[in-house]
Amino acid sequence: MEQSFKILPSQPNEDMAFKLATDIVFWMDTWQGSLKTPRNLFFNLKNCGYKDDDIPQWLKDELEMQQLDNVPSKATRAVIIYKAMYYAFQTDRRLQSGVLVNAGALNLAINSLNRGTPVQQEIAAELLKTAKQVE
């Protein structure tokens, strides 16, 4: 399987974390044991004001989330939190206005672009497309 890369902030900011990701964590904290099911997640999301169209298709398509009455694995729960933050980044234009990096990171990206492995070159090219230098 070929992987693609996208430059994301190294730490999630409030715009990424305080949306769907927080509502998923709320579901994990609210329901205990065998009640921590996708059915209850979707119930919680609707109680948080989400309409059916507001719930991302990727969440509905996640294999373990389709088994509505089974508790998803810890790995799946971690993945959907990560995907929720990525989804927030992907859908919010303010977050995509350019990745801020320092001069050292820009130099590293340029060196990787020239001499790195193909994966490093792909990541460096993506960074250099959107990067804005900061002090």
N, C-alpha and C. Protein backbone atom coordinates (compact mmCIF):
# COMPACT_ATOMS: atom_id res chain seq x y z
N MET A 1 0.85 -1.17 0.00
CA MET A 1 0.00 0.00 0.00
C MET A 1 0.89 1.24 0.00
N GLU A 2 0.67 2.11 -0.95
CA GLU A 2 1.45 3.34 -1.04
C GLU A 2 0.89 4.36 -0.07
N GLN A 3 1.78 5.03 0.65
CA GLN A 3 1.35 6.04 1.61
C GLN A 3 1.59 7.43 1.04
N SER A 4 0.72 8.35 1.40
CA SER A 4 0.94 9.74 1.06
C SER A 4 1.12 10.49 2.37
N PHE A 5 1.74 11.65 2.31
CA PHE A 5 2.05 12.40 3.50
C PHE A 5 1.48 13.80 3.39
N LYS A 6 1.14 14.36 4.52
CA LYS A 6 0.65 15.73 4.61
C LYS A 6 1.32 16.36 5.81
N ILE A 7 1.77 17.57 5.68
CA ILE A 7 2.40 18.27 6.79
C ILE A 7 1.30 18.78 7.73
N LEU A 8 1.40 18.41 8.98
CA LEU A 8 0.46 18.84 10.00
C LEU A 8 1.23 19.49 11.14
N PRO A 9 0.58 20.29 11.95
CA PRO A 9 1.25 20.84 13.13
C PRO A 9 1.75 19.70 14.02
N SER A 10 2.91 19.91 14.65
CA SER A 10 3.45 18.86 15.51
C SER A 10 2.61 18.69 16.77
N GLN A 11 1.93 19.73 17.19
CA GLN A 11 1.01 19.67 18.32
C GLN A 11 -0.36 20.14 17.83
N PRO A 12 -1.41 19.39 18.15
CA PRO A 12 -2.73 19.86 17.73
C PRO A 12 -3.07 21.17 18.43
N ASN A 13 -3.63 22.08 17.67
CA ASN A 13 -4.04 23.34 18.29
C ASN A 13 -5.52 23.25 18.69
N GLU A 14 -6.04 24.29 19.29
CA GLU A 14 -7.42 24.27 19.78
C GLU A 14 -8.42 24.03 18.65
N ASP A 15 -8.14 24.61 17.48
CA ASP A 15 -9.07 24.44 16.37
C ASP A 15 -9.15 22.98 15.93
N MET A 16 -8.07 22.24 16.10
CA MET A 16 -8.08 20.82 15.72
C MET A 16 -8.67 19.95 16.83
N ALA A 17 -8.36 20.29 18.07
CA ALA A 17 -8.71 19.41 19.18
C ALA A 17 -10.11 19.64 19.72
N PHE A 18 -10.62 20.87 19.65
CA PHE A 18 -11.89 21.16 20.32
C PHE A 18 -13.09 21.07 19.37
N LYS A 19 -13.11 20.04 18.58
CA LYS A 19 -14.25 19.80 17.70
C LYS A 19 -14.63 18.34 17.87
N LEU A 20 -14.68 17.62 16.78
CA LEU A 20 -15.09 16.22 16.80
C LEU A 20 -14.21 15.38 17.72
N ALA A 21 -12.91 15.64 17.76
CA ALA A 21 -12.01 14.86 18.62
C ALA A 21 -12.44 14.94 20.08
N THR A 22 -12.78 16.13 20.54
CA THR A 22 -13.22 16.29 21.93
C THR A 22 -14.54 15.57 22.17
N ASP A 23 -15.43 15.60 21.19
CA ASP A 23 -16.71 14.91 21.35
C ASP A 23 -16.52 13.40 21.38
N ILE A 24 -15.53 12.89 20.68
CA ILE A 24 -15.23 11.45 20.73
C ILE A 24 -14.67 11.10 22.11
N VAL A 25 -13.77 11.93 22.63
CA VAL A 25 -13.23 11.68 23.97
C VAL A 25 -14.34 11.75 25.01
N PHE A 26 -15.26 12.68 24.85
CA PHE A 26 -16.42 12.79 25.74
C PHE A 26 -17.20 11.47 25.76
N TRP A 27 -17.40 10.89 24.56
CA TRP A 27 -18.09 9.60 24.46
C TRP A 27 -17.31 8.53 25.23
N MET A 28 -15.99 8.51 25.08
CA MET A 28 -15.18 7.50 25.77
C MET A 28 -15.25 7.67 27.28
N ASP A 29 -15.34 8.91 27.74
CA ASP A 29 -15.42 9.18 29.18
C ASP A 29 -16.82 8.93 29.75
N THR A 30 -17.85 9.12 28.92
CA THR A 30 -19.23 9.03 29.39
C THR A 30 -19.70 7.59 29.55
N TRP A 31 -19.39 6.77 28.58
CA TRP A 31 -19.90 5.40 28.56
C TRP A 31 -18.84 4.46 29.10
N GLN A 32 -19.25 3.54 29.94
CA GLN A 32 -18.32 2.60 30.57
C GLN A 32 -18.47 1.21 29.97
N GLY A 33 -17.37 0.48 29.94
CA GLY A 33 -17.37 -0.93 29.57
C GLY A 33 -18.10 -1.24 28.28
N SER A 34 -19.04 -2.17 28.36
CA SER A 34 -19.73 -2.66 27.17
C SER A 34 -20.68 -1.64 26.55
N LEU A 35 -20.88 -0.51 27.20
CA LEU A 35 -21.75 0.54 26.64
C LEU A 35 -21.00 1.51 25.73
N LYS A 36 -19.67 1.35 25.66
CA LYS A 36 -18.85 2.23 24.84
C LYS A 36 -18.89 1.76 23.38
N THR A 37 -20.07 1.85 22.79
CA THR A 37 -20.31 1.31 21.45
C THR A 37 -20.45 2.44 20.43
N PRO A 38 -20.27 2.13 19.15
CA PRO A 38 -20.51 3.13 18.11
C PRO A 38 -21.94 3.69 18.16
N ARG A 39 -22.90 2.83 18.49
CA ARG A 39 -24.28 3.32 18.58
C ARG A 39 -24.36 4.47 19.59
N ASN A 40 -23.70 4.32 20.74
CA ASN A 40 -23.72 5.37 21.76
C ASN A 40 -22.87 6.57 21.34
N LEU A 41 -21.81 6.34 20.56
CA LEU A 41 -21.05 7.48 20.04
C LEU A 41 -21.94 8.33 19.14
N PHE A 42 -22.61 7.70 18.19
CA PHE A 42 -23.47 8.45 17.28
C PHE A 42 -24.62 9.12 18.05
N PHE A 43 -25.13 8.46 19.09
CA PHE A 43 -26.15 9.04 19.96
C PHE A 43 -25.60 10.31 20.64
N ASN A 44 -24.38 10.20 21.20
CA ASN A 44 -23.75 11.36 21.84
C ASN A 44 -23.53 12.50 20.86
N LEU A 45 -23.05 12.17 19.66
CA LEU A 45 -22.81 13.22 18.67
C LEU A 45 -24.09 13.96 18.33
N LYS A 46 -25.18 13.22 18.19
CA LYS A 46 -26.47 13.88 17.90
C LYS A 46 -26.90 14.76 19.07
N ASN A 47 -26.64 14.31 20.31
CA ASN A 47 -26.96 15.13 21.48
C ASN A 47 -26.05 16.36 21.56
N CYS A 48 -24.88 16.31 20.94
CA CYS A 48 -23.97 17.47 20.91
C CYS A 48 -24.33 18.42 19.77
N GLY A 49 -25.39 18.10 19.02
CA GLY A 49 -25.84 19.00 17.96
C GLY A 49 -25.47 18.58 16.55
N TYR A 50 -24.82 17.45 16.38
CA TYR A 50 -24.48 16.97 15.05
C TYR A 50 -25.73 16.44 14.36
N LYS A 51 -25.89 16.81 13.09
CA LYS A 51 -26.92 16.19 12.26
C LYS A 51 -26.26 15.01 11.54
N ASP A 52 -27.05 14.14 10.93
CA ASP A 52 -26.48 12.98 10.23
C ASP A 52 -25.42 13.41 9.21
N ASP A 53 -25.68 14.51 8.50
CA ASP A 53 -24.73 14.99 7.49
C ASP A 53 -23.47 15.58 8.09
N ASP A 54 -23.51 15.97 9.37
CA ASP A 54 -22.34 16.55 10.03
C ASP A 54 -21.33 15.49 10.47
N ILE A 55 -21.79 14.26 10.63
CA ILE A 55 -20.90 13.18 11.05
C ILE A 55 -20.11 12.74 9.82
N PRO A 56 -18.79 12.85 9.85
CA PRO A 56 -17.99 12.55 8.66
C PRO A 56 -18.17 11.11 8.18
N GLN A 57 -18.18 10.96 6.87
CA GLN A 57 -18.36 9.63 6.28
C GLN A 57 -17.24 8.68 6.68
N TRP A 58 -16.01 9.21 6.83
CA TRP A 58 -14.89 8.33 7.19
C TRP A 58 -15.16 7.66 8.54
N LEU A 59 -15.86 8.36 9.46
CA LEU A 59 -16.15 7.78 10.76
C LEU A 59 -17.19 6.67 10.63
N LYS A 60 -18.19 6.90 9.80
CA LYS A 60 -19.21 5.89 9.57
C LYS A 60 -18.63 4.67 8.84
N ASP A 61 -17.63 4.91 8.00
CA ASP A 61 -17.04 3.83 7.19
C ASP A 61 -16.00 3.01 7.94
N GLU A 62 -15.49 3.52 9.06
CA GLU A 62 -14.49 2.78 9.84
C GLU A 62 -15.10 1.42 10.21
N LEU A 63 -14.38 0.35 9.90
CA LEU A 63 -14.93 -1.00 10.03
C LEU A 63 -15.55 -1.27 11.41
N GLU A 64 -14.80 -0.99 12.46
CA GLU A 64 -15.33 -1.27 13.80
C GLU A 64 -16.48 -0.34 14.19
N MET A 65 -16.59 0.81 13.54
CA MET A 65 -17.69 1.72 13.84
C MET A 65 -18.99 1.26 13.17
N GLN A 66 -18.89 0.34 12.23
CA GLN A 66 -20.08 -0.19 11.57
C GLN A 66 -20.73 -1.29 12.41
N GLN A 67 -19.99 -1.84 13.34
CA GLN A 67 -20.52 -2.86 14.24
C GLN A 67 -21.08 -2.12 15.46
N LEU A 68 -22.30 -1.64 15.31
CA LEU A 68 -22.87 -0.65 16.21
C LEU A 68 -22.94 -1.06 17.68
N ASP A 69 -23.04 -2.35 17.96
CA ASP A 69 -23.21 -2.76 19.35
C ASP A 69 -21.97 -3.43 19.95
N ASN A 70 -20.85 -3.37 19.24
CA ASN A 70 -19.59 -3.91 19.75
C ASN A 70 -18.69 -2.77 20.19
N VAL A 71 -17.93 -2.99 21.23
CA VAL A 71 -16.99 -1.98 21.70
C VAL A 71 -15.77 -1.97 20.78
N PRO A 72 -15.45 -0.82 20.17
CA PRO A 72 -14.27 -0.77 19.30
C PRO A 72 -12.98 -0.96 20.10
N SER A 73 -11.98 -1.48 19.44
CA SER A 73 -10.69 -1.70 20.09
C SER A 73 -10.05 -0.37 20.48
N LYS A 74 -9.10 -0.44 21.40
CA LYS A 74 -8.37 0.78 21.80
C LYS A 74 -7.66 1.39 20.60
N ALA A 75 -7.13 0.55 19.74
CA ALA A 75 -6.44 1.06 18.54
C ALA A 75 -7.39 1.85 17.66
N THR A 76 -8.59 1.34 17.45
CA THR A 76 -9.57 2.06 16.63
C THR A 76 -9.96 3.37 17.30
N ARG A 77 -10.13 3.36 18.62
CA ARG A 77 -10.47 4.60 19.32
C ARG A 77 -9.36 5.64 19.16
N ALA A 78 -8.11 5.20 19.24
CA ALA A 78 -6.99 6.13 19.03
C ALA A 78 -6.98 6.65 17.60
N VAL A 79 -7.23 5.78 16.65
CA VAL A 79 -7.22 6.17 15.23
C VAL A 79 -8.31 7.18 14.95
N ILE A 80 -9.51 6.97 15.50
CA ILE A 80 -10.58 7.92 15.16
C ILE A 80 -10.35 9.29 15.80
N ILE A 81 -9.66 9.34 16.94
CA ILE A 81 -9.32 10.65 17.51
C ILE A 81 -8.30 11.34 16.61
N TYR A 82 -7.28 10.61 16.16
CA TYR A 82 -6.29 11.17 15.24
C TYR A 82 -6.98 11.65 13.96
N LYS A 83 -7.83 10.81 13.39
CA LYS A 83 -8.52 11.18 12.15
C LYS A 83 -9.42 12.39 12.36
N ALA A 84 -10.04 12.50 13.53
CA ALA A 84 -10.90 13.65 13.81
C ALA A 84 -10.09 14.94 13.82
N MET A 85 -8.87 14.90 14.39
CA MET A 85 -8.02 16.10 14.37
C MET A 85 -7.54 16.39 12.96
N TYR A 86 -7.20 15.35 12.21
CA TYR A 86 -6.78 15.53 10.82
C TYR A 86 -7.94 16.09 10.01
N TYR A 87 -9.15 15.57 10.24
CA TYR A 87 -10.34 16.05 9.53
C TYR A 87 -10.57 17.54 9.82
N ALA A 88 -10.38 17.94 11.08
CA ALA A 88 -10.53 19.36 11.43
C ALA A 88 -9.50 20.19 10.68
N PHE A 89 -8.28 19.70 10.60
CA PHE A 89 -7.23 20.41 9.87
C PHE A 89 -7.58 20.50 8.39
N GLN A 90 -8.04 19.39 7.84
CA GLN A 90 -8.33 19.29 6.42
C GLN A 90 -9.50 20.17 6.00
N THR A 91 -10.48 20.35 6.87
CA THR A 91 -11.71 21.06 6.49
C THR A 91 -11.72 22.52 6.92
N ASP A 92 -10.73 22.97 7.67
CA ASP A 92 -10.70 24.36 8.14
C ASP A 92 -9.60 25.12 7.39
N ARG A 93 -10.01 25.99 6.48
CA ARG A 93 -9.04 26.71 5.65
C ARG A 93 -8.07 27.55 6.47
N ARG A 94 -8.52 28.05 7.62
CA ARG A 94 -7.61 28.86 8.44
C ARG A 94 -6.40 28.06 8.88
N LEU A 95 -6.59 26.75 9.12
CA LEU A 95 -5.48 25.91 9.57
C LEU A 95 -4.53 25.57 8.44
N GLN A 96 -4.99 25.69 7.20
CA GLN A 96 -4.17 25.32 6.05
C GLN A 96 -3.49 26.51 5.40
N SER A 97 -3.53 27.66 6.01
CA SER A 97 -3.02 28.86 5.36
C SER A 97 -1.51 28.89 5.26
N GLY A 98 -0.85 27.89 5.74
CA GLY A 98 0.60 27.82 5.64
C GLY A 98 1.18 27.30 6.93
N VAL A 99 2.10 26.40 6.81
CA VAL A 99 2.74 25.83 7.99
C VAL A 99 3.89 26.75 8.38
N LEU A 100 3.92 27.16 9.63
CA LEU A 100 4.97 28.03 10.11
C LEU A 100 6.14 27.19 10.60
N VAL A 101 7.32 27.43 10.06
CA VAL A 101 8.49 26.67 10.46
C VAL A 101 9.66 27.63 10.67
N ASN A 102 10.64 27.20 11.45
CA ASN A 102 11.81 28.05 11.64
C ASN A 102 12.83 27.80 10.53
N ALA A 103 13.85 28.62 10.47
CA ALA A 103 14.85 28.54 9.39
C ALA A 103 15.55 27.19 9.39
N GLY A 104 15.84 26.63 10.56
CA GLY A 104 16.49 25.33 10.64
C GLY A 104 15.66 24.24 9.98
N ALA A 105 14.35 24.27 10.21
CA ALA A 105 13.46 23.28 9.60
C ALA A 105 13.40 23.45 8.09
N LEU A 106 13.41 24.71 7.63
CA LEU A 106 13.43 24.95 6.18
C LEU A 106 14.72 24.42 5.56
N ASN A 107 15.86 24.66 6.21
CA ASN A 107 17.13 24.14 5.69
C ASN A 107 17.14 22.62 5.65
N LEU A 108 16.61 21.99 6.69
CA LEU A 108 16.52 20.53 6.72
C LEU A 108 15.65 20.03 5.58
N ALA A 109 14.54 20.71 5.33
CA ALA A 109 13.65 20.30 4.24
C ALA A 109 14.35 20.44 2.89
N ILE A 110 15.08 21.54 2.71
CA ILE A 110 15.80 21.74 1.45
C ILE A 110 16.85 20.65 1.26
N ASN A 111 17.60 20.34 2.33
CA ASN A 111 18.60 19.28 2.24
C ASN A 111 17.95 17.93 1.95
N SER A 112 16.82 17.64 2.58
CA SER A 112 16.12 16.39 2.34
C SER A 112 15.61 16.31 0.91
N LEU A 113 15.17 17.45 0.39
CA LEU A 113 14.68 17.48 -0.98
C LEU A 113 15.80 17.13 -1.95
N ASN A 114 17.00 17.60 -1.65
CA ASN A 114 18.15 17.38 -2.54
C ASN A 114 18.81 16.02 -2.35
N ARG A 115 18.86 15.53 -1.10
CA ARG A 115 19.65 14.32 -0.84
C ARG A 115 18.90 13.24 -0.07
N GLY A 116 17.65 13.44 0.24
CA GLY A 116 16.93 12.49 1.09
C GLY A 116 16.40 11.29 0.33
N THR A 117 15.83 10.39 1.08
CA THR A 117 15.16 9.24 0.49
C THR A 117 13.92 9.73 -0.25
N PRO A 118 13.33 8.90 -1.09
CA PRO A 118 12.11 9.34 -1.78
C PRO A 118 11.00 9.81 -0.82
N VAL A 119 10.84 9.12 0.31
CA VAL A 119 9.82 9.53 1.29
C VAL A 119 10.18 10.89 1.88
N GLN A 120 11.46 11.08 2.25
CA GLN A 120 11.89 12.38 2.79
C GLN A 120 11.71 13.48 1.75
N GLN A 121 11.98 13.17 0.50
CA GLN A 121 11.82 14.17 -0.56
C GLN A 121 10.35 14.56 -0.72
N GLU A 122 9.45 13.58 -0.63
CA GLU A 122 8.02 13.87 -0.75
C GLU A 122 7.54 14.76 0.40
N ILE A 123 7.98 14.44 1.62
CA ILE A 123 7.59 15.24 2.78
C ILE A 123 8.16 16.65 2.66
N ALA A 124 9.43 16.75 2.26
CA ALA A 124 10.08 18.06 2.13
C ALA A 124 9.39 18.90 1.07
N ALA A 125 9.03 18.30 -0.05
CA ALA A 125 8.36 19.05 -1.12
C ALA A 125 7.02 19.59 -0.63
N GLU A 126 6.29 18.77 0.13
CA GLU A 126 4.99 19.21 0.67
C GLU A 126 5.19 20.38 1.64
N LEU A 127 6.20 20.27 2.50
CA LEU A 127 6.49 21.34 3.45
C LEU A 127 6.85 22.63 2.73
N LEU A 128 7.72 22.54 1.74
CA LEU A 128 8.18 23.74 1.06
C LEU A 128 7.07 24.40 0.24
N LYS A 129 6.06 23.65 -0.15
CA LYS A 129 4.93 24.23 -0.89
C LYS A 129 4.15 25.22 -0.03
N THR A 130 4.03 24.92 1.27
CA THR A 130 3.13 25.71 2.12
C THR A 130 3.84 26.46 3.23
N ALA A 131 5.13 26.24 3.39
CA ALA A 131 5.84 26.78 4.56
C ALA A 131 5.98 28.29 4.50
N LYS A 132 5.88 28.88 5.69
CA LYS A 132 6.17 30.29 5.88
C LYS A 132 7.22 30.34 6.99
N GLN A 133 8.30 31.03 6.74
CA GLN A 133 9.38 31.04 7.73
C GLN A 133 9.04 31.98 8.89
N VAL A 134 9.36 31.52 10.10
CA VAL A 134 9.22 32.34 11.29
C VAL A 134 10.57 32.37 11.99
N GLU A 135 10.77 33.33 12.83
CA GLU A 135 12.04 33.44 13.56
C GLU A 135 12.10 32.45 14.67
